Amino acid sequence: MSVRVKHLPPNLSHTEATPMTKPTTDRAEASPTKRFFVSMLTRDINLADAILDLLDNCLDGALRLADGGDVDYAQHFVKIELTADHFSIEDNCGGIPRDVAKNYAFKMGREPDDDRDSDSETIGMYGVGMKRAIFKMGREALVRTRYGDDTFEVPITSAWLEAKGWDPLPINEPTEVNEQLAEPGTVIRVDELYDGVARHFANEAFENEVRTAIAEHFTMFLQWGLKVDLNGTPVEPVFVEVLVSDRADGPAPFVFQKTIDDVLVSITVGLNTGRSLGNDDDEDSGFERDRSSATAGWTVLCNDRAVIVGDKSRLTGWGDGIPLYHPQFAILTGIIEFRSKVADKLPVTTTKRALDTSSNVWLESLVKMKEGMRVWISYTNQWKNHPRADQSNFWEDSKPLSLGKTIAAVALRTDVKKSESQIEFNPQKAKVLPEPPGKTPSSRRIVFSRPTEELRLVSKMLFDIDDEKPGIIGEKCFELTLAKAVKQGV
């Protein structure tokens, strides 16, 4: 067998003889399809949170309108309508500048060079909130806005949604007088609602869910005067506060404040004030009053927005080196706020209603949260066999205060630990917490029976659940009656 070998010219190497690979001009398409993008984007958020996202955008508008100054929220309103055939949200928070609408507001995400709000304390990070909320609800939408004297509108149609490409959206000029807005602001209306969305919007229970979510998430803004109407009825804030004595040596909550990873972290743990919803002028709002289990546990705020309210789970440390939550701790409230002008440093997810518990700032803060909880769990253990009325005189000069006002009040005390980087006050170490008498009071056992349905009704009223243990229900009823008897001097 013979093999023929092709000889190369003496001046040509093997490498040079190998044909060169031609550069390709083909490209593999890597952009997402519109259908996939819209579908997956809306799966990450529930319907109530989508509505809150739109309301959050209104507040961002008010911040921009103030241009670095203090916002007078009492001058602003947001009106929301939920019906079976449409959704709308209207505000007077300044509107969208035309150049922002052209270059940023309707893009599906935020570009690296989009530095809007870099000096504002907001929690928007990715530039998807408005679009995601609209896509979640229906197939037709119109965004009409007035910035200064410039009014225009941007339609998002079913034809645009169904088209394959990402064609620019038209910016139209209103033609009718009734399409002009009375003052700078924005109106978003969504029609052709998806069937499931329409059923939710027609459901009174869902309306109540949204009302509660707004009352909790935007409680600070509502307390500052922002007017939010849902289907024509004003939303009242949920109050999350702790009791603070006016006396310099009086009982006060645990307080901690420090900047961690460029985020100002503020923490307080103390006694729940018993005031939870709406403007409550009831004179019986001090220590004697029944506590609201809705605001017991932990409330977490990011730049004034409440991410969660009244959490009683392992998420906020319960059961991790301290006891699991149970009704003995219904008098305790912890509040923590994360504040930063760089939104992506905050431990919050894109829904703005869930925590990123893997972030370093959260993990460091959790250590101090549990330290404060231990102080007040110890306090409740000391007093659990004593009538609540025995503590009243220690708290008679106490006032319910928000997180910011609590830290400001406690910071004035002489025994607070204060440096350039942090503030810390431990009421247990400062020996300002009241202690029960050394002798346990004599007691007699009370036993009686009531029908199960009556127990369920009373349980729901006192604890927001209908299956609390009968012994706990009975003890609570006796405490409330005893408090009234002591107050009346019987």
Protein backbone atom coordinates (compact mmCIF):
# COMPACT_ATOMS: atom_id res chain seq x y z
CA MET A 1 0.00 0.00 0.00
CA SER A 2 1.43 3.34 -0.95
CA VAL A 3 0.59 6.78 0.35
CA ARG A 4 1.03 9.90 -1.70
CA VAL A 5 2.33 12.86 0.20
CA LYS A 6 1.74 16.31 -1.10
CA HIS A 7 4.90 18.32 -0.60
CA LEU A 8 4.72 21.99 0.29
CA PRO A 9 6.87 24.58 -1.35
CA PRO A 10 9.99 25.10 0.75
CA ASN A 11 9.02 28.67 1.71
CA LEU A 12 5.51 27.76 3.04
CA SER A 13 4.98 26.32 6.53
CA HIS A 14 2.16 23.98 7.64
CA THR A 15 0.55 26.79 9.61
CA GLU A 16 0.53 29.14 6.69
CA ALA A 17 -0.95 26.47 4.44
CA THR A 18 -4.00 25.97 6.67
CA PRO A 19 -6.94 27.95 5.29
CA MET A 20 -7.89 30.93 7.53
CA THR A 21 -11.34 30.83 9.24
CA LYS A 22 -13.59 33.44 7.71
CA PRO A 23 -15.12 35.94 10.13
CA THR A 24 -18.85 35.29 10.45
CA THR A 25 -21.44 37.94 9.73
CA ASP A 26 -24.30 35.96 11.31
CA ARG A 27 -25.64 36.81 14.78
CA ALA A 28 -27.68 34.83 17.30
CA GLU A 29 -30.76 36.77 18.41
CA ALA A 30 -30.70 37.18 22.23
CA SER A 31 -33.42 39.75 22.93
CA PRO A 32 -36.52 38.58 24.83
CA THR A 33 -39.82 38.23 23.04
CA LYS A 34 -42.41 40.75 24.18
CA ARG A 35 -44.86 38.02 25.18
CA PHE A 36 -42.28 36.29 27.39
CA PHE A 37 -41.04 39.53 28.93
CA VAL A 38 -44.51 40.81 29.81
CA SER A 39 -45.69 37.42 31.11
CA MET A 40 -42.69 36.79 33.36
CA LEU A 41 -42.49 40.37 34.57
CA THR A 42 -46.06 40.32 35.88
CA ARG A 43 -45.73 36.93 37.58
CA ASP A 44 -43.29 38.44 40.09
CA ILE A 45 -45.87 40.70 41.72
CA ASN A 46 -49.39 40.26 43.05
CA LEU A 47 -52.25 42.55 42.09
CA ALA A 48 -52.38 44.56 45.33
CA ASP A 49 -48.63 45.22 45.21
CA ALA A 50 -48.94 46.37 41.59
CA ILE A 51 -51.41 49.04 42.73
CA LEU A 52 -49.07 50.08 45.54
CA ASP A 53 -46.28 50.38 42.98
CA LEU A 54 -48.30 52.97 41.06
CA LEU A 55 -49.06 54.90 44.25
CA ASP A 56 -45.35 54.84 45.09
CA ASN A 57 -44.65 56.50 41.74
CA CYS A 58 -46.97 59.33 42.76
CA LEU A 59 -44.85 59.94 45.85
CA ASP A 60 -41.70 59.95 43.75
CA GLY A 61 -43.33 62.67 41.66
CA ALA A 62 -44.00 64.75 44.78
CA LEU A 63 -40.33 64.39 45.76
CA ARG A 64 -39.19 65.60 42.35
CA LEU A 65 -41.64 68.49 42.50
CA ALA A 66 -40.09 69.61 45.82
CA ASP A 67 -36.68 69.63 44.08
CA GLY A 68 -34.69 68.79 47.18
CA GLY A 69 -36.90 70.69 49.62
CA ASP A 70 -39.35 69.33 52.18
CA VAL A 71 -42.49 67.88 50.66
CA ASP A 72 -45.80 69.21 51.96
CA TYR A 73 -47.78 66.01 51.55
CA ALA A 74 -50.95 67.71 52.78
CA GLN A 75 -51.04 69.49 49.41
CA HIS A 76 -51.12 66.24 47.44
CA PHE A 77 -53.82 63.66 46.72
CA VAL A 78 -54.10 60.27 45.05
CA LYS A 79 -57.47 58.91 43.91
CA ILE A 80 -57.82 55.23 43.03
CA GLU A 81 -60.79 53.51 41.41
CA LEU A 82 -61.25 49.74 41.26
CA THR A 83 -64.24 48.55 39.24
CA ALA A 84 -65.15 45.46 37.22
CA ASP A 85 -64.52 47.29 33.94
CA HIS A 86 -61.56 49.59 34.61
CA PHE A 87 -58.81 50.74 36.94
CA SER A 88 -57.66 54.33 37.37
CA ILE A 89 -55.24 56.27 39.54
CA GLU A 90 -55.03 60.06 39.55
CA ASP A 91 -52.64 62.37 41.41
CA ASN A 92 -51.53 66.00 41.58
CA CYS A 93 -47.88 65.16 42.25
CA GLY A 94 -46.22 67.12 39.47
CA GLY A 95 -46.60 64.96 36.37
CA ILE A 96 -44.03 63.52 33.96
CA PRO A 97 -41.70 65.86 32.02
CA ARG A 98 -41.93 65.27 28.25
CA ASP A 99 -38.21 64.45 27.91
CA VAL A 100 -38.53 61.87 30.71
CA ALA A 101 -41.52 60.31 28.93
CA LYS A 102 -39.57 60.20 25.65
CA ASN A 103 -36.34 58.77 27.03
CA TYR A 104 -36.99 56.97 30.32
CA ALA A 105 -40.49 56.55 31.77
CA PHE A 106 -41.82 54.01 29.27
CA LYS A 107 -38.64 51.97 28.81
CA MET A 108 -38.77 48.41 30.11
CA GLY A 109 -36.05 48.88 32.70
CA ARG A 110 -33.58 51.53 33.78
CA GLU A 111 -30.43 52.36 31.84
CA PRO A 112 -27.09 52.74 33.70
CA ASP A 113 -26.96 56.43 32.77
CA ASP A 114 -30.43 57.12 34.20
CA ASP A 115 -29.46 58.92 37.40
CA ARG A 116 -32.87 60.40 38.13
CA ASP A 117 -33.75 60.38 41.86
CA SER A 118 -30.09 59.87 42.79
CA ASP A 119 -30.53 62.51 45.50
CA SER A 120 -33.99 61.35 46.62
CA GLU A 121 -34.95 58.82 49.26
CA THR A 122 -37.09 56.51 47.16
CA ILE A 123 -37.16 52.72 46.82
CA GLY A 124 -37.58 52.41 43.05
CA MET A 125 -34.58 50.70 41.46
CA TYR A 126 -35.33 49.01 38.16
CA GLY A 127 -37.74 51.23 36.24
CA VAL A 128 -40.43 48.59 35.72
CA GLY A 129 -43.14 49.52 38.25
CA MET A 130 -45.62 51.46 36.10
CA LYS A 131 -45.32 49.17 33.07
CA ARG A 132 -45.52 46.00 35.16
CA ALA A 133 -48.66 47.22 36.95
CA ILE A 134 -50.37 48.11 33.67
CA PHE A 135 -49.45 44.79 32.03
CA LYS A 136 -50.71 42.97 35.14
CA MET A 137 -54.19 44.47 34.86
CA GLY A 138 -55.33 44.72 31.27
CA ARG A 139 -54.79 45.07 27.53
CA GLU A 140 -55.53 48.78 27.03
CA ALA A 141 -54.12 51.72 28.99
CA LEU A 142 -53.76 55.46 28.70
CA VAL A 143 -51.28 57.56 30.65
CA ARG A 144 -52.25 61.24 30.59
CA THR A 145 -49.94 63.68 32.36
CA ARG A 146 -49.41 67.38 32.87
CA TYR A 147 -46.00 68.79 33.74
CA GLY A 148 -46.17 72.54 34.21
CA ASP A 149 -48.43 73.66 31.37
CA ASP A 150 -47.47 70.80 29.07
CA THR A 151 -50.16 68.11 28.80
CA PHE A 152 -49.77 64.96 26.72
CA GLU A 153 -50.83 61.31 26.75
CA VAL A 154 -49.26 57.96 25.94
CA PRO A 155 -51.53 55.05 24.92
CA ILE A 156 -50.52 51.42 25.47
CA THR A 157 -52.79 49.32 23.25
CA SER A 158 -53.52 45.63 22.84
CA ALA A 159 -52.17 45.89 19.28
CA TRP A 160 -48.85 47.16 20.61
CA LEU A 161 -48.74 44.41 23.25
CA GLU A 162 -49.44 41.70 20.68
CA ALA A 163 -46.91 43.00 18.14
CA LYS A 164 -43.57 41.23 18.07
CA GLY A 165 -41.34 44.30 18.10
CA TRP A 166 -40.71 46.97 20.71
CA ASP A 167 -41.85 49.92 18.66
CA PRO A 168 -41.80 53.32 20.40
CA LEU A 169 -45.09 54.38 21.97
CA PRO A 170 -46.80 57.46 20.52
CA ILE A 171 -46.97 60.69 22.51
CA ASN A 172 -50.23 62.45 21.65
CA GLU A 173 -51.64 65.88 22.35
CA PRO A 174 -55.09 65.98 24.01
CA THR A 175 -57.72 67.38 21.66
CA GLU A 176 -60.70 67.86 23.97
CA VAL A 177 -61.06 70.41 26.78
CA ASN A 178 -62.07 67.69 29.25
CA GLU A 179 -58.79 65.89 28.58
CA GLN A 180 -56.82 68.74 30.16
CA LEU A 181 -55.77 68.25 33.79
CA ALA A 182 -56.64 70.96 36.32
CA GLU A 183 -53.16 70.90 37.87
CA PRO A 184 -49.82 69.16 37.25
CA GLY A 185 -50.15 65.43 37.84
CA THR A 186 -50.87 62.13 36.14
CA VAL A 187 -53.89 59.95 35.40
CA ILE A 188 -53.46 56.29 34.46
CA ARG A 189 -56.50 54.35 33.27
CA VAL A 190 -56.48 50.65 32.39
CA ASP A 191 -59.33 49.10 30.38
CA GLU A 192 -60.03 45.65 28.92
CA LEU A 193 -59.12 44.12 32.25
CA TYR A 194 -58.16 40.47 32.36
CA ASP A 195 -61.00 38.30 33.65
CA GLY A 196 -59.33 37.45 36.96
CA VAL A 197 -58.41 41.06 37.57
CA ALA A 198 -61.97 42.24 36.87
CA ARG A 199 -63.33 39.73 39.40
CA HIS A 200 -60.87 40.94 42.02
CA PHE A 201 -61.70 44.61 41.43
CA ALA A 202 -65.42 43.87 41.84
CA ASN A 203 -64.80 42.01 45.11
CA GLU A 204 -65.27 44.01 48.31
CA ALA A 205 -62.81 41.74 50.14
CA PHE A 206 -60.07 42.64 47.65
CA GLU A 207 -60.87 46.34 48.03
CA ASN A 208 -60.43 45.93 51.80
CA GLU A 209 -57.13 44.12 51.21
CA VAL A 210 -55.85 47.01 49.10
CA ARG A 211 -57.08 49.56 51.66
CA THR A 212 -55.22 47.79 54.45
CA ALA A 213 -52.07 47.50 52.33
CA ILE A 214 -52.11 51.24 51.57
CA ALA A 215 -52.81 52.09 55.23
CA GLU A 216 -49.79 50.04 56.28
CA HIS A 217 -47.28 50.61 53.47
CA PHE A 218 -47.81 54.39 53.24
CA THR A 219 -48.66 55.04 56.88
CA MET A 220 -45.97 57.71 57.32
CA PHE A 221 -47.13 59.70 54.27
CA LEU A 222 -50.76 59.44 55.37
CA GLN A 223 -49.79 60.72 58.82
CA TRP A 224 -47.99 63.64 57.14
CA GLY A 225 -51.21 64.65 55.38
CA LEU A 226 -51.22 62.79 52.05
CA LYS A 227 -54.83 62.20 50.99
CA VAL A 228 -55.49 58.82 49.40
CA ASP A 229 -59.05 57.92 48.34
CA LEU A 230 -59.96 54.38 47.36
CA ASN A 231 -63.30 54.16 45.55
CA GLY A 232 -64.27 57.51 47.04
CA THR A 233 -63.42 56.71 50.67
CA PRO A 234 -60.30 58.11 52.40
CA VAL A 235 -57.66 55.65 53.58
CA GLU A 236 -56.66 56.09 57.23
CA PRO A 237 -53.09 55.29 58.38
CA VAL A 238 -52.11 52.38 60.58
CA PHE A 239 -50.23 53.80 63.56
CA VAL A 240 -47.10 51.91 64.60
CA GLU A 241 -45.74 53.60 67.71
CA VAL A 242 -44.17 52.86 71.10
CA LEU A 243 -44.74 54.38 74.54
CA VAL A 244 -42.12 56.83 75.82
CA SER A 245 -42.17 58.49 79.24
CA ASP A 246 -41.73 62.27 79.49
CA ARG A 247 -39.58 61.87 82.60
CA ALA A 248 -35.81 61.67 82.13
CA ASP A 249 -35.72 58.66 84.47
CA GLY A 250 -39.02 57.19 83.27
CA PRO A 251 -39.49 54.00 81.23
CA ALA A 252 -38.43 54.17 77.61
CA PRO A 253 -37.94 51.77 74.72
CA PHE A 254 -34.73 50.19 73.47
CA VAL A 255 -33.13 52.44 70.83
CA PHE A 256 -30.30 51.91 68.37
CA GLN A 257 -29.14 53.98 65.39
CA LYS A 258 -26.08 53.47 63.20
CA THR A 259 -24.98 53.80 59.57
CA ILE A 260 -24.19 50.39 58.07
CA ASP A 261 -22.95 50.08 54.47
CA ASP A 262 -24.11 53.65 53.69
CA VAL A 263 -27.59 52.90 55.07
CA LEU A 264 -28.86 54.70 58.18
CA VAL A 265 -30.42 52.01 60.40
CA SER A 266 -32.82 53.11 63.16
CA ILE A 267 -34.34 50.64 65.64
CA THR A 268 -36.70 50.87 68.58
CA VAL A 269 -38.38 48.15 70.65
CA GLY A 270 -40.96 48.98 73.29
CA LEU A 271 -44.56 48.78 74.41
CA ASN A 272 -47.28 48.80 71.78
CA THR A 273 -49.46 51.89 72.24
CA GLY A 274 -52.79 50.21 71.58
CA ARG A 275 -53.59 52.65 68.77
CA SER A 276 -53.55 51.04 65.36
CA LEU A 277 -55.92 52.56 62.78
CA GLY A 278 -57.11 56.05 62.02
CA ASN A 279 -57.12 59.25 64.05
CA ASP A 280 -57.94 58.09 67.54
CA ASP A 281 -58.75 60.75 70.11
CA ASP A 282 -60.01 58.25 72.71
CA GLU A 283 -58.79 59.45 76.10
CA ASP A 284 -58.27 55.82 77.13
CA SER A 285 -55.27 55.45 74.81
CA GLY A 286 -52.46 55.03 77.34
CA PHE A 287 -51.04 51.97 79.07
CA GLU A 288 -54.40 50.62 80.23
CA ARG A 289 -55.80 50.29 76.76
CA ASP A 290 -55.96 46.96 74.98
CA ARG A 291 -53.04 46.43 72.62
CA SER A 292 -53.44 45.90 68.88
CA SER A 293 -52.01 42.55 67.87
CA ALA A 294 -51.93 43.79 64.26
CA THR A 295 -49.00 46.10 65.05
CA ALA A 296 -47.33 43.86 67.63
CA GLY A 297 -44.12 42.25 66.39
CA TRP A 298 -41.83 43.93 63.87
CA THR A 299 -42.54 46.68 61.38
CA VAL A 300 -39.82 47.27 58.77
CA LEU A 301 -39.60 50.57 56.88
CA CYS A 302 -37.40 51.51 53.92
CA ASN A 303 -37.27 55.24 53.18
CA ASP A 304 -40.57 55.80 55.02
CA ARG A 305 -42.41 52.95 53.23
CA ALA A 306 -43.50 50.08 55.49
CA VAL A 307 -42.27 46.90 53.80
CA ILE A 308 -43.89 44.67 56.42
CA VAL A 309 -46.08 45.49 59.44
CA GLY A 310 -46.47 43.45 62.61
CA ASP A 311 -44.31 40.49 61.58
CA LYS A 312 -44.26 37.73 64.19
CA SER A 313 -42.27 35.06 62.33
CA ARG A 314 -38.70 33.77 62.15
CA LEU A 315 -38.12 36.32 59.39
CA THR A 316 -37.62 39.01 62.05
CA GLY A 317 -35.87 36.83 64.62
CA TRP A 318 -38.72 35.22 66.56
CA GLY A 319 -37.67 31.70 67.55
CA ASP A 320 -34.00 32.33 66.70
CA GLY A 321 -32.29 32.57 70.08
CA ILE A 322 -35.46 34.05 71.58
CA PRO A 323 -38.95 32.55 72.08
CA LEU A 324 -41.41 32.15 69.25
CA TYR A 325 -44.10 34.81 69.26
CA HIS A 326 -47.19 34.12 71.39
CA PRO A 327 -49.95 36.32 72.88
CA GLN A 328 -47.86 37.26 75.95
CA PHE A 329 -45.82 39.43 73.56
CA ALA A 330 -48.84 41.23 72.04
CA ILE A 331 -47.84 44.33 74.01
CA LEU A 332 -44.45 44.52 72.26
CA THR A 333 -43.66 46.45 69.10
CA GLY A 334 -40.38 46.72 67.23
CA ILE A 335 -39.77 49.25 64.46
CA ILE A 336 -36.74 49.32 62.19
CA GLU A 337 -36.08 51.70 59.33
CA PHE A 338 -33.45 51.60 56.60
CA ARG A 339 -32.76 54.97 54.98
CA SER A 340 -30.54 55.66 51.98
CA LYS A 341 -30.48 57.77 48.82
CA VAL A 342 -29.10 54.73 46.98
CA ALA A 343 -32.18 52.53 46.66
CA ASP A 344 -30.36 49.33 45.72
CA LYS A 345 -28.55 49.36 49.08
CA LEU A 346 -31.88 48.88 50.88
CA PRO A 347 -32.81 45.30 51.92
CA VAL A 348 -36.01 45.27 49.85
CA THR A 349 -37.05 43.30 46.75
CA THR A 350 -38.48 44.72 43.51
CA THR A 351 -42.05 44.28 44.80
CA LYS A 352 -41.18 46.74 47.62
CA ARG A 353 -43.21 44.54 49.97
CA ALA A 354 -40.67 41.84 50.79
CA LEU A 355 -37.24 41.80 52.42
CA ASP A 356 -33.89 40.77 51.02
CA THR A 357 -32.79 38.95 54.16
CA SER A 358 -29.44 37.93 52.64
CA SER A 359 -28.16 41.52 52.61
CA ASN A 360 -25.39 42.44 55.03
CA VAL A 361 -27.23 45.47 56.37
CA TRP A 362 -30.20 43.27 57.33
CA LEU A 363 -28.07 40.58 58.99
CA GLU A 364 -26.13 43.12 61.07
CA SER A 365 -29.34 44.88 62.08
CA LEU A 366 -30.99 41.61 63.12
CA VAL A 367 -28.43 41.25 65.92
CA LYS A 368 -29.60 44.53 67.48
CA MET A 369 -33.25 43.74 66.81
CA LYS A 370 -32.97 40.57 68.88
CA GLU A 371 -31.06 42.40 71.61
CA GLY A 372 -33.97 44.80 71.98
CA MET A 373 -36.49 41.96 71.92
CA ARG A 374 -34.70 40.16 74.78
CA VAL A 375 -35.00 43.28 76.95
CA TRP A 376 -38.77 43.46 76.53
CA ILE A 377 -39.41 39.71 76.62
CA SER A 378 -37.69 39.75 80.00
CA TYR A 379 -39.97 42.63 81.03
CA THR A 380 -43.15 40.73 80.09
CA ASN A 381 -41.88 37.62 81.92
CA GLN A 382 -41.46 39.67 85.10
CA TRP A 383 -44.98 41.05 84.95
CA LYS A 384 -46.96 38.15 83.49
CA ASN A 385 -48.39 37.00 86.86
CA HIS A 386 -49.41 40.52 87.86
CA PRO A 387 -52.53 42.45 86.78
CA ARG A 388 -51.77 44.99 84.08
CA ALA A 389 -53.25 47.69 86.31
CA ASP A 390 -50.24 47.31 88.66
CA GLN A 391 -48.03 48.85 85.98
CA SER A 392 -50.27 51.81 85.19
CA ASN A 393 -48.74 54.38 87.51
CA PHE A 394 -45.30 53.79 85.98
CA TRP A 395 -46.60 54.69 82.51
CA GLU A 396 -49.13 57.44 83.29
CA ASP A 397 -46.97 60.17 81.71
CA SER A 398 -46.02 58.14 78.63
CA LYS A 399 -46.88 59.16 75.07
CA PRO A 400 -47.15 57.19 71.83
CA LEU A 401 -44.35 58.21 69.48
CA SER A 402 -43.23 57.18 66.00
CA LEU A 403 -39.75 55.80 65.39
CA GLY A 404 -38.14 59.14 64.50
CA LYS A 405 -39.69 61.00 67.43
CA THR A 406 -38.78 58.17 69.81
CA ILE A 407 -35.10 58.32 68.88
CA ALA A 408 -35.08 62.12 69.14
CA ALA A 409 -36.68 61.98 72.62
CA VAL A 410 -34.45 59.22 73.97
CA ALA A 411 -31.30 60.84 72.54
CA LEU A 412 -31.82 63.73 75.00
CA ARG A 413 -31.39 61.46 78.03
CA THR A 414 -28.12 61.67 79.94
CA ASP A 415 -27.58 57.92 80.13
CA VAL A 416 -27.86 57.29 76.37
CA LYS A 417 -24.68 56.06 74.65
CA LYS A 418 -23.93 58.49 71.87
CA SER A 419 -21.02 58.91 69.48
CA GLU A 420 -20.47 60.34 66.01
CA SER A 421 -21.44 57.01 64.42
CA GLN A 422 -24.26 55.69 66.60
CA ILE A 423 -26.87 56.14 69.31
CA GLU A 424 -27.80 53.34 71.72
CA PHE A 425 -30.07 53.12 74.74
CA ASN A 426 -30.81 49.95 76.68
CA PRO A 427 -33.57 50.64 79.23
CA GLN A 428 -32.72 47.45 81.13
CA LYS A 429 -29.10 48.52 81.69
CA ALA A 430 -30.23 52.06 82.45
CA LYS A 431 -32.57 50.63 85.11
CA VAL A 432 -35.58 52.68 84.00
CA LEU A 433 -38.00 49.80 83.48
CA PRO A 434 -40.55 49.29 86.27
CA GLU A 435 -40.26 46.09 88.30
CA PRO A 436 -43.16 44.27 89.98
CA PRO A 437 -43.42 43.98 93.77
CA GLY A 438 -41.10 41.37 95.26
CA LYS A 439 -43.99 39.27 96.55
CA THR A 440 -46.19 37.55 94.02
CA PRO A 441 -49.80 38.62 94.67
CA SER A 442 -52.18 36.01 96.03
CA SER A 443 -54.54 34.65 93.43
CA ARG A 444 -57.68 32.54 93.01
CA ARG A 445 -58.54 30.38 90.03
CA ILE A 446 -61.54 31.43 87.87
CA VAL A 447 -63.23 28.71 85.79
CA PHE A 448 -66.31 29.04 83.61
CA SER A 449 -67.60 27.71 80.30
CA ARG A 450 -69.07 29.49 77.29
CA PRO A 451 -70.41 28.23 73.92
CA THR A 452 -67.72 27.69 71.28
CA GLU A 453 -69.22 30.20 68.85
CA GLU A 454 -69.14 32.92 71.52
CA LEU A 455 -65.49 32.11 72.21
CA ARG A 456 -64.72 32.44 68.50
CA LEU A 457 -66.38 35.88 68.34
CA VAL A 458 -64.49 37.19 71.38
CA SER A 459 -61.21 35.66 70.16
CA LYS A 460 -61.58 37.38 66.80
CA MET A 461 -62.27 40.73 68.44
CA LEU A 462 -59.36 40.55 70.90
CA PHE A 463 -56.65 38.75 68.92
CA ASP A 464 -57.64 38.99 65.24
CA ILE A 465 -57.89 35.17 65.14
CA ASP A 466 -60.93 33.04 65.97
CA ASP A 467 -59.19 30.05 67.60
CA GLU A 468 -57.19 31.50 70.50
CA LYS A 469 -56.96 29.25 73.58
CA PRO A 470 -59.94 29.65 75.95
CA GLY A 471 -57.67 30.30 78.95
CA ILE A 472 -55.97 33.21 77.21
CA ILE A 473 -59.33 34.64 76.10
CA GLY A 474 -60.65 34.46 79.67
CA GLU A 475 -57.54 36.09 81.12
CA LYS A 476 -57.76 38.91 78.59
CA CYS A 477 -61.43 39.54 79.36
CA PHE A 478 -60.66 39.73 83.07
CA GLU A 479 -57.76 42.16 82.49
CA LEU A 480 -59.97 44.51 80.50
CA THR A 481 -62.72 44.45 83.12
CA LEU A 482 -60.22 44.92 85.97
CA ALA A 483 -58.66 47.92 84.23
CA LYS A 484 -62.07 49.60 83.95
CA ALA A 485 -62.85 48.81 87.61
CA VAL A 486 -59.56 50.34 88.82
CA LYS A 487 -60.07 53.42 86.66
CA GLN A 488 -63.57 53.96 88.07
CA GLY A 489 -62.31 53.45 91.63
CA VAL A 490 -64.70 50.59 92.34
